[in-house]
């Protein structure tokens, strides 16, 4: 993954441990590699699903 992101293994380990955050471009690359949305990576997918469900009720 670090190679795909063109970053060092130390830096990538910081992402995994929560001691650093990837850049916006890095976040998009991670999402593309894992075939998920950036919302999923940011733990916002449940929020979006609940917002859609609430709008469907009205």
PDB file of N, CA and C in Angstrom:
ATOM      1  N   UNK A   1       0.832  -1.182   0.000  1.00  0.00           N
ATOM      2  CA  UNK A   1       0.000   0.000   0.000  1.00  0.00           C
ATOM      3  C   UNK A   1       0.880   1.251   0.000  1.00  0.00           C
ATOM      4  N   UNK A   2       1.920   1.245   0.811  1.00  0.00           N
ATOM      5  CA  UNK A   2       2.810   2.410   0.860  1.00  0.00           C
ATOM      6  C   UNK A   2       3.403   2.686  -0.523  1.00  0.00           C
ATOM      7  N   UNK A   3       3.799   1.630  -1.227  1.00  0.00           N
ATOM      8  CA  UNK A   3       4.335   1.812  -2.575  1.00  0.00           C
ATOM      9  C   UNK A   3       3.289   2.411  -3.509  1.00  0.00           C
ATOM     10  N   UNK A   4       2.062   1.927  -3.425  1.00  0.00           N
ATOM     11  CA  UNK A   4       0.990   2.440  -4.275  1.00  0.00           C
ATOM     12  C   UNK A   4       0.712   3.912  -3.997  1.00  0.00           C
ATOM     13  N   UNK A   5       0.881   4.308  -2.750  1.00  0.00           N
ATOM     14  CA  UNK A   5       0.652   5.702  -2.365  1.00  0.00           C
ATOM     15  C   UNK A   5       1.887   6.571  -2.563  1.00  0.00           C
ATOM     16  N   UNK A   6       2.969   5.932  -2.962  1.00  0.00           N
ATOM     17  CA  UNK A   6       4.249   6.618  -3.154  1.00  0.00           C
ATOM     18  C   UNK A   6       4.679   7.347  -1.887  1.00  0.00           C
ATOM     19  N   UNK A   7       4.597   6.607  -0.778  1.00  0.00           N
ATOM     20  CA  UNK A   7       5.033   7.137   0.510  1.00  0.00           C
ATOM     21  C   UNK A   7       5.868   6.072   1.210  1.00  0.00           C
ATOM     22  N   UNK A   8       6.575   6.469   2.216  1.00  0.00           N
ATOM     23  CA  UNK A   8       7.398   5.522   2.964  1.00  0.00           C
ATOM     24  C   UNK A   8       6.562   4.653   3.883  1.00  0.00           C
ATOM     25  N   UNK A   9       7.098   3.496   4.215  1.00  0.00           N
ATOM     26  CA  UNK A   9       6.386   2.564   5.096  1.00  0.00           C
ATOM     27  C   UNK A   9       6.151   3.184   6.472  1.00  0.00           C
ATOM     28  N   UNK A  10       7.101   3.949   6.957  1.00  0.00           N
ATOM     29  CA  UNK A  10       6.932   4.608   8.262  1.00  0.00           C
ATOM     30  C   UNK A  10       5.754   5.566   8.242  1.00  0.00           C
ATOM     31  N   UNK A  11       5.687   6.338   7.173  1.00  0.00           N
ATOM     32  CA  UNK A  11       4.591   7.298   7.056  1.00  0.00           C
ATOM     33  C   UNK A  11       3.260   6.562   6.955  1.00  0.00           C
ATOM     34  N   UNK A  12       3.209   5.491   6.181  1.00  0.00           N
ATOM     35  CA  UNK A  12       1.968   4.729   6.039  1.00  0.00           C
ATOM     36  C   UNK A  12       1.564   4.104   7.377  1.00  0.00           C
ATOM     37  N   UNK A  13       2.515   3.625   8.125  1.00  0.00           N
ATOM     38  CA  UNK A  13       2.200   3.052   9.444  1.00  0.00           C
ATOM     39  C   UNK A  13       1.588   4.102  10.365  1.00  0.00           C
ATOM     40  N   UNK A  14       2.017   5.349  10.203  1.00  0.00           N
ATOM     41  CA  UNK A  14       1.417   6.431  10.987  1.00  0.00           C
ATOM     42  C   UNK A  14      -0.046   6.618  10.619  1.00  0.00           C
ATOM     43  N   UNK A  15      -0.379   6.454   9.329  1.00  0.00           N
ATOM     44  CA  UNK A  15      -1.784   6.525   8.915  1.00  0.00           C
ATOM     45  C   UNK A  15      -2.574   5.431   9.612  1.00  0.00           C
ATOM     46  N   UNK A  16      -2.036   4.215   9.575  1.00  0.00           N
ATOM     47  CA  UNK A  16      -2.746   3.071  10.157  1.00  0.00           C
ATOM     48  C   UNK A  16      -2.936   3.209  11.667  1.00  0.00           C
ATOM     49  N   UNK A  17      -1.950   3.802  12.330  1.00  0.00           N
ATOM     50  CA  UNK A  17      -2.021   3.920  13.784  1.00  0.00           C
ATOM     51  C   UNK A  17      -2.777   5.173  14.237  1.00  0.00           C
ATOM     52  N   UNK A  18      -3.102   6.048  13.297  1.00  0.00           N
ATOM     53  CA  UNK A  18      -3.824   7.264  13.643  1.00  0.00           C
ATOM     54  C   UNK A  18      -2.947   8.404  14.092  1.00  0.00           C
ATOM     55  N   UNK A  19      -1.629   8.270  13.921  1.00  0.00           N
ATOM     56  CA  UNK A  19      -0.715   9.332  14.325  1.00  0.00           C
ATOM     57  C   UNK A  19      -0.476  10.363  13.220  1.00  0.00           C
ATOM     58  N   UNK A  20      -0.978  10.091  12.030  1.00  0.00           N
ATOM     59  CA  UNK A  20      -0.882  11.033  10.909  1.00  0.00           C
ATOM     60  C   UNK A  20      -2.048  10.757   9.975  1.00  0.00           C
ATOM     61  N   UNK A  21      -2.358  11.740   9.165  1.00  0.00           N
ATOM     62  CA  UNK A  21      -3.435  11.605   8.190  1.00  0.00           C
ATOM     63  C   UNK A  21      -2.877  11.786   6.791  1.00  0.00           C
ATOM     64  N   UNK A  22      -3.411  11.018   5.845  1.00  0.00           N
ATOM     65  CA  UNK A  22      -2.959  11.214   4.468  1.00  0.00           C
ATOM     66  C   UNK A  22      -3.484  12.541   3.928  1.00  0.00           C
ATOM     67  N   UNK A  23      -2.860  13.009   2.874  1.00  0.00           N
ATOM     68  CA  UNK A  23      -3.362  14.196   2.194  1.00  0.00           C
ATOM     69  C   UNK A  23      -4.692  13.844   1.531  1.00  0.00           C
ATOM     70  N   UNK A  24      -5.378  14.822   1.046  1.00  0.00           N
ATOM     71  CA  UNK A  24      -6.623  14.576   0.327  1.00  0.00           C
ATOM     72  C   UNK A  24      -6.369  13.665  -0.871  1.00  0.00           C
ATOM     73  N   UNK A  25      -5.297  13.930  -1.594  1.00  0.00           N
ATOM     74  CA  UNK A  25      -4.953  13.095  -2.743  1.00  0.00           C
ATOM     75  C   UNK A  25      -4.652  11.666  -2.298  1.00  0.00           C
ATOM     76  N   UNK A  26      -3.976  11.533  -1.162  1.00  0.00           N
ATOM     77  CA  UNK A  26      -3.676  10.211  -0.620  1.00  0.00           C
ATOM     78  C   UNK A  26      -4.936   9.472  -0.210  1.00  0.00           C
ATOM     79  N   UNK A  27      -5.869  10.185   0.373  1.00  0.00           N
ATOM     80  CA  UNK A  27      -7.136   9.585   0.780  1.00  0.00           C
ATOM     81  C   UNK A  27      -7.897   9.051  -0.439  1.00  0.00           C
ATOM     82  N   UNK A  28      -7.916   9.837  -1.510  1.00  0.00           N
ATOM     83  CA  UNK A  28      -8.586   9.409  -2.737  1.00  0.00           C
ATOM     84  C   UNK A  28      -7.893   8.183  -3.321  1.00  0.00           C
ATOM     85  N   UNK A  29      -6.560   8.160  -3.297  1.00  0.00           N
ATOM     86  CA  UNK A  29      -5.821   6.991  -3.798  1.00  0.00           C
ATOM     87  C   UNK A  29      -6.149   5.744  -2.983  1.00  0.00           C
ATOM     88  N   UNK A  30      -6.204   5.895  -1.664  1.00  0.00           N
ATOM     89  CA  UNK A  30      -6.535   4.753  -0.799  1.00  0.00           C
ATOM     90  C   UNK A  30      -7.924   4.238  -1.130  1.00  0.00           C
ATOM     91  N   UNK A  31      -8.877   5.140  -1.286  1.00  0.00           N
ATOM     92  CA  UNK A  31     -10.246   4.742  -1.628  1.00  0.00           C
ATOM     93  C   UNK A  31     -10.275   4.010  -2.964  1.00  0.00           C
ATOM     94  N   UNK A  32      -9.532   4.510  -3.935  1.00  0.00           N
ATOM     95  CA  UNK A  32      -9.489   3.858  -5.247  1.00  0.00           C
ATOM     96  C   UNK A  32      -8.869   2.468  -5.158  1.00  0.00           C
ATOM     97  N   UNK A  33      -7.792   2.344  -4.419  1.00  0.00           N
ATOM     98  CA  UNK A  33      -7.111   1.053  -4.279  1.00  0.00           C
ATOM     99  C   UNK A  33      -8.013   0.032  -3.606  1.00  0.00           C
ATOM    100  N   UNK A  34      -8.731   0.459  -2.569  1.00  0.00           N
ATOM    101  CA  UNK A  34      -9.594  -0.447  -1.812  1.00  0.00           C
ATOM    102  C   UNK A  34     -10.997  -0.577  -2.416  1.00  0.00           C
ATOM    103  N   UNK A  35     -11.251   0.212  -3.475  1.00  0.00           N
ATOM    104  CA  UNK A  35     -12.548   0.201  -4.154  1.00  0.00           C
ATOM    105  C   UNK A  35     -13.698   0.521  -3.188  1.00  0.00           C
ATOM    106  N   UNK A  36     -13.492   1.556  -2.386  1.00  0.00           N
ATOM    107  CA  UNK A  36     -14.511   2.055  -1.471  1.00  0.00           C
ATOM    108  C   UNK A  36     -14.604   3.568  -1.657  1.00  0.00           C
ATOM    109  N   UNK A  37     -15.621   4.174  -1.080  1.00  0.00           N
ATOM    110  CA  UNK A  37     -15.756   5.628  -1.166  1.00  0.00           C
ATOM    111  C   UNK A  37     -14.905   6.309  -0.099  1.00  0.00           C
ATOM    112  N   UNK A  38     -14.616   7.573  -0.332  1.00  0.00           N
ATOM    113  CA  UNK A  38     -13.908   8.335   0.703  1.00  0.00           C
ATOM    114  C   UNK A  38     -14.805   8.489   1.926  1.00  0.00           C
ATOM    115  N   UNK A  39     -16.123   8.558   1.719  1.00  0.00           N
ATOM    116  CA  UNK A  39     -17.044   8.619   2.857  1.00  0.00           C
ATOM    117  C   UNK A  39     -16.899   7.384   3.731  1.00  0.00           C
ATOM    118  N   UNK A  40     -16.735   6.232   3.115  1.00  0.00           N
ATOM    119  CA  UNK A  40     -16.539   4.998   3.883  1.00  0.00           C
ATOM    120  C   UNK A  40     -15.255   5.097   4.715  1.00  0.00           C
ATOM    121  N   UNK A  41     -14.179   5.577   4.097  1.00  0.00           N
ATOM    122  CA  UNK A  41     -12.912   5.699   4.824  1.00  0.00           C
ATOM    123  C   UNK A  41     -13.010   6.696   5.975  1.00  0.00           C
ATOM    124  N   UNK A  42     -13.850   7.697   5.798  1.00  0.00           N
ATOM    125  CA  UNK A  42     -14.016   8.724   6.834  1.00  0.00           C
ATOM    126  C   UNK A  42     -15.134   8.384   7.813  1.00  0.00           C
ATOM    127  N   UNK A  43     -15.678   7.167   7.701  1.00  0.00           N
ATOM    128  CA  UNK A  43     -16.752   6.684   8.584  1.00  0.00           C
ATOM    129  C   UNK A  43     -17.995   7.558   8.494  1.00  0.00           C
ATOM    130  N   UNK A  44     -18.276   8.068   7.311  1.00  0.00           N
ATOM    131  CA  UNK A  44     -19.445   8.910   7.106  1.00  0.00           C
ATOM    132  C   UNK A  44     -20.548   8.198   6.347  1.00  0.00           C
ATOM    133  N   UNK A  45     -20.346   6.959   5.975  1.00  0.00           N
ATOM    134  CA  UNK A  45     -21.349   6.268   5.176  1.00  0.00           C
ATOM    135  C   UNK A  45     -22.639   6.033   5.952  1.00  0.00           C
ATOM    136  N   UNK A  46     -22.584   5.740   7.236  1.00  0.00           N
ATOM    137  CA  UNK A  46     -23.801   5.563   8.029  1.00  0.00           C
ATOM    138  C   UNK A  46     -24.572   6.875   8.134  1.00  0.00           C
ATOM    139  N   UNK A  47     -23.847   7.977   8.282  1.00  0.00           N
ATOM    140  CA  UNK A  47     -24.488   9.288   8.335  1.00  0.00           C
ATOM    141  C   UNK A  47     -25.239   9.559   7.036  1.00  0.00           C
ATOM    142  N   UNK A  48     -24.601   9.283   5.910  1.00  0.00           N
ATOM    143  CA  UNK A  48     -25.239   9.532   4.627  1.00  0.00           C
ATOM    144  C   UNK A  48     -26.455   8.630   4.430  1.00  0.00           C
ATOM    145  N   UNK A  49     -26.334   7.369   4.834  1.00  0.00           N
ATOM    146  CA  UNK A  49     -27.464   6.450   4.711  1.00  0.00           C
ATOM    147  C   UNK A  49     -28.640   6.924   5.563  1.00  0.00           C
ATOM    148  N   UNK A  50     -28.366   7.401   6.773  1.00  0.00           N
ATOM    149  CA  UNK A  50     -29.451   7.868   7.643  1.00  0.00           C
ATOM    150  C   UNK A  50     -30.067   9.147   7.093  1.00  0.00           C
ATOM    151  N   UNK A  51     -29.272   9.998   6.461  1.00  0.00           N
ATOM    152  CA  UNK A  51     -29.801  11.227   5.876  1.00  0.00           C
ATOM    153  C   UNK A  51     -30.712  10.908   4.700  1.00  0.00           C
ATOM    154  N   UNK A  52     -30.331   9.938   3.898  1.00  0.00           N
ATOM    155  CA  UNK A  52     -31.168   9.537   2.763  1.00  0.00           C
ATOM    156  C   UNK A  52     -32.469   8.910   3.276  1.00  0.00           C
ATOM    157  N   UNK A  53     -32.373   8.071   4.280  1.00  0.00           N
ATOM    158  CA  UNK A  53     -33.571   7.435   4.843  1.00  0.00           C
ATOM    159  C   UNK A  53     -34.517   8.488   5.415  1.00  0.00           C
ATOM    160  N   UNK A  54     -33.972   9.477   6.086  1.00  0.00           N
ATOM    161  CA  UNK A  54     -34.802  10.535   6.666  1.00  0.00           C
ATOM    162  C   UNK A  54     -35.491  11.351   5.578  1.00  0.00           C
ATOM    163  N   UNK A  55     -34.798  11.621   4.489  1.00  0.00           N
ATOM    164  CA  UNK A  55     -35.407  12.386   3.398  1.00  0.00           C
ATOM    165  C   UNK A  55     -36.472  11.570   2.668  1.00  0.00           C
ATOM    166  N   UNK A  56     -36.310  10.256   2.645  1.00  0.00           N
ATOM    167  CA  UNK A  56     -37.313   9.390   2.013  1.00  0.00           C
ATOM    168  C   UNK A  56     -38.606   9.341   2.827  1.00  0.00           C
ATOM    169  N   UNK A  57     -38.514   9.572   4.122  1.00  0.00           N
ATOM    170  CA  UNK A  57     -39.683   9.518   4.997  1.00  0.00           C
ATOM    171  C   UNK A  57     -40.578  10.734   4.798  1.00  0.00           C
ATOM    172  N   UNK A  58     -40.014  11.826   4.300  1.00  0.00           N
ATOM    173  CA  UNK A  58     -40.805  13.070   4.155  1.00  0.00           C
ATOM    174  C   UNK A  58     -41.408  13.140   2.830  1.00  0.00           C
TER     175      UNK A  58
END
